[in-house]
Protein backbone atom coordinates (compact mmCIF):
# COMPACT_ATOMS: atom_id res chain seq x y z
CA MET A 1 167.65 -119.63 77.24
CA ARG A 2 166.59 -120.73 80.71
CA TRP A 3 169.54 -118.96 82.31
CA ARG A 4 168.40 -115.69 80.73
CA ARG A 5 164.94 -116.01 82.26
CA ARG A 6 166.45 -116.83 85.65
CA PHE A 7 168.85 -113.87 85.39
CA ARG A 8 166.03 -111.47 84.43
CA ALA A 9 163.88 -112.72 87.30
CA ARG A 10 166.73 -112.16 89.75
CA ALA A 11 167.51 -108.71 88.35
CA GLN A 12 163.85 -107.70 88.65
CA ALA A 13 163.70 -109.04 92.21
CA ILE A 14 166.70 -106.89 93.13
CA ARG A 15 165.15 -103.78 91.58
CA ARG A 16 161.73 -104.24 93.18
CA PRO A 17 161.43 -103.22 96.84
CA ALA A 18 160.10 -105.72 99.33
CA ARG A 19 156.67 -104.76 100.65
CA GLY A 20 156.92 -102.74 103.85
CA SER A 21 160.66 -102.09 103.55
CA ARG A 22 162.07 -98.59 104.19
CA GLY A 23 164.35 -98.55 101.16
CA THR A 24 164.72 -100.39 97.92
CA PRO A 25 167.38 -103.08 98.15
CA TYR A 26 170.74 -101.50 97.29
CA CYS A 27 169.09 -98.17 96.25
CA GLY A 28 171.64 -97.72 93.45
CA LEU A 29 174.60 -98.05 95.82
CA VAL A 30 176.12 -101.06 94.08
CA GLY A 31 176.27 -99.12 90.82
CA GLU A 32 177.73 -96.06 92.54
CA GLY A 33 180.43 -98.12 94.24
CA ALA A 34 181.25 -99.99 91.03
CA ASN A 35 181.58 -96.75 89.05
CA VAL A 36 183.93 -95.21 91.59
CA LEU A 37 185.98 -98.40 91.94
CA ALA A 38 186.29 -98.58 88.15
CA GLY A 39 187.47 -94.97 88.09
CA ILE A 40 190.13 -95.73 90.69
CA ALA A 41 191.23 -98.87 88.82
CA LEU A 42 191.43 -96.95 85.54
CA ALA A 43 193.48 -94.14 87.08
CA GLU A 44 195.81 -96.61 88.81
CA THR A 45 196.33 -98.59 85.61
CA ALA A 46 196.95 -95.44 83.56
CA MET A 47 199.53 -94.18 86.08
CA ALA A 48 201.29 -97.57 86.09
CA GLN A 49 201.33 -97.61 82.28
CA ALA A 50 202.75 -94.08 82.17
CA ALA A 51 205.53 -95.24 84.49
CA GLY A 52 206.29 -98.17 82.15
CA ALA A 53 204.76 -100.98 84.21
CA ALA A 54 202.98 -103.90 82.62
CA LEU A 55 199.22 -104.07 82.88
CA PRO A 56 198.03 -105.68 86.13
CA LEU A 57 197.50 -109.42 85.66
CA SER A 58 198.99 -109.26 82.12
CA GLY A 59 201.06 -112.38 82.78
CA LEU A 60 198.00 -114.49 83.49
CA ALA A 61 197.13 -117.03 80.80
CA GLY A 62 193.47 -117.84 80.21
CA THR A 63 194.06 -121.49 81.10
CA GLY A 64 196.05 -120.90 84.30
CA GLY A 65 194.69 -122.17 87.58
CA PHE A 66 193.98 -120.34 90.82
CA HIS A 67 197.66 -120.41 91.87
CA ALA A 68 198.62 -118.72 88.60
CA PHE A 69 196.00 -116.06 89.34
CA GLN A 70 197.41 -115.52 92.85
CA ASP A 71 200.95 -115.21 91.48
CA ALA A 72 199.88 -112.75 88.79
CA ALA A 73 197.83 -110.71 91.27
CA GLY A 74 200.93 -110.23 93.44
CA ARG A 75 202.96 -108.70 90.59
CA ASP A 76 202.73 -105.78 88.20
CA GLY A 77 201.18 -103.24 90.54
CA ALA A 78 198.12 -105.30 91.37
CA ARG A 79 198.97 -105.06 95.08
CA SER A 80 198.97 -101.28 94.84
CA LEU A 81 195.63 -101.33 93.06
CA ALA A 82 194.19 -103.75 95.62
CA PHE A 83 195.40 -101.48 98.44
CA HIS A 84 193.77 -98.40 96.88
CA LEU A 85 190.53 -100.27 96.28
CA ALA A 86 190.50 -101.59 99.87
CA VAL A 87 191.08 -98.11 101.31
CA PHE A 88 188.38 -96.65 99.08
CA LEU A 89 185.91 -99.38 100.03
CA ALA A 90 186.52 -98.81 103.75
CA ASP A 91 186.15 -95.02 103.35
CA TRP A 92 183.07 -95.40 101.14
CA THR A 93 181.41 -97.72 103.66
CA ASP A 94 182.17 -95.33 106.55
CA GLY A 95 180.90 -92.35 104.52
CA LEU A 96 177.71 -94.17 103.64
CA ALA A 97 177.10 -95.18 107.27
CA ALA A 98 177.61 -91.56 108.35
CA LEU A 99 175.22 -90.38 105.64
CA MET A 100 172.50 -92.80 106.74
CA ALA A 101 172.91 -91.79 110.41
CA ARG A 102 172.76 -88.11 109.45
CA LEU A 103 169.73 -88.70 107.22
CA ALA A 104 167.89 -90.32 110.14
CA ALA A 105 168.84 -87.42 112.44
CA ASP A 106 167.79 -84.83 109.83
CA ALA A 107 164.36 -86.37 109.14
CA PRO A 108 162.44 -83.58 110.95
CA ALA A 109 164.37 -80.86 109.09
CA LEU A 110 163.84 -82.61 105.74
CA GLU A 111 160.13 -82.74 106.44
CA GLU A 112 160.04 -79.06 107.41
CA MET A 113 162.31 -77.61 104.71
CA PHE A 114 161.65 -79.89 101.72
CA ALA A 115 158.26 -81.44 102.58
CA VAL A 116 159.73 -84.96 102.60
CA PRO A 117 157.41 -87.05 104.79
CA ARG A 118 159.20 -89.04 107.49
CA ALA A 119 157.46 -92.16 106.21
CA ALA A 120 158.82 -91.68 102.66
CA ARG A 121 160.98 -94.59 101.52
CA ILE A 122 164.32 -94.07 99.84
CA VAL A 123 164.24 -95.60 96.36
CA GLY A 124 167.51 -94.21 95.02
CA LEU A 125 170.77 -93.03 96.52
CA VAL A 126 173.39 -92.04 93.96
CA GLY A 127 176.61 -90.04 94.03
CA ALA A 128 175.72 -86.66 92.54
CA GLY A 129 178.97 -86.26 90.65
CA GLY A 130 180.91 -84.69 93.50
CA GLU A 131 184.35 -85.74 94.65
CA TYR A 132 184.70 -88.36 97.34
CA HIS A 133 186.42 -87.04 100.43
CA ARG A 134 187.32 -90.10 102.48
CA GLY A 135 184.01 -91.68 101.51
CA ALA A 136 181.81 -88.61 101.88
CA CYS A 137 180.24 -86.98 98.86
CA VAL A 138 177.10 -85.15 97.84
CA ARG A 139 174.45 -87.71 96.96
CA ARG A 140 171.14 -87.44 95.18
CA ILE A 141 168.41 -89.09 97.23
CA ASP A 142 165.20 -90.17 95.50
CA PHE A 143 162.11 -90.84 97.62
CA ASP A 144 159.10 -92.94 96.67
CA ASP A 145 156.83 -89.87 96.63
CA GLY A 146 158.88 -88.41 93.75
CA THR A 147 160.93 -85.96 95.83
CA ARG A 148 164.62 -85.65 94.93
CA ILE A 149 167.17 -83.81 97.02
CA ALA A 150 170.92 -83.26 96.87
CA TYR A 151 172.24 -84.16 100.30
CA LYS A 152 175.58 -83.16 101.79
CA PRO A 153 177.18 -85.32 104.46
CA ARG A 154 177.98 -82.32 106.66
CA PRO A 155 176.22 -79.34 108.23
CA VAL A 156 175.06 -76.79 105.65
CA GLU A 157 174.29 -73.73 107.77
CA ARG A 158 176.57 -71.51 105.66
CA GLU A 159 174.95 -72.65 102.42
CA PHE A 160 171.54 -72.01 103.96
CA VAL A 161 172.54 -68.42 104.82
CA TRP A 162 173.71 -67.84 101.22
CA HIS A 163 170.55 -69.49 99.86
CA THR A 164 168.38 -67.23 102.03
CA LEU A 165 170.34 -64.15 100.93
CA GLY A 166 169.98 -65.20 97.28
CA GLU A 167 166.21 -65.60 97.65
CA TRP A 168 165.97 -62.22 99.34
CA LEU A 169 168.04 -60.55 96.59
CA CYS A 170 165.86 -62.12 93.89
CA GLY A 171 162.84 -60.47 95.48
CA GLN A 172 164.39 -56.99 95.45
CA GLU A 173 164.17 -54.48 92.64
CA ARG A 174 167.30 -53.96 90.61
CA PRO A 175 169.09 -50.69 91.23
CA PRO A 176 169.16 -48.37 88.20
CA CYS A 177 172.87 -48.98 87.61
CA CYS A 178 172.30 -52.74 87.16
CA THR A 179 169.41 -52.70 84.71
CA HIS A 180 170.04 -53.82 81.15
CA ARG A 181 169.37 -51.13 78.58
CA LYS A 182 168.42 -51.95 75.01
CA ARG A 183 170.19 -49.91 72.36
């Protein structure tokens, strides 16, 4: 029972931001990384199974020591999986660093376009369901003032032009040929 209380206290400490900090510790990034890594591991395992390979680490007995684990990890496609996970982790880390640098550089534009105060703290940063392109993806950023934005890790001038055109078109009257007629 005591371990449960200790675990809950630690989990709550991780979720709660430290006073005066810019962002909440981890801001949901650990969960995002774990979900993507699990997806890669699942795909890698499924492909190996389809090719007739044994499950990674299937030869490892529950009572084996560390050397047995090392031997099992070197067989059955585990090296391939480890390579893919290592490449993903390096790309994901680089993509996240680029996102944070871009977010800092875009602070004035975020304040102007979306009314996100420069002093707003990030409380959540989660992959928004987009594909990862060498670590870069669209992420949903949650700020402590309640603002949420979808943020792309690249310039979005073209999207802004289309957005502006869409807003302008919404404000125009429909031409007679495009109106819906009830029968």
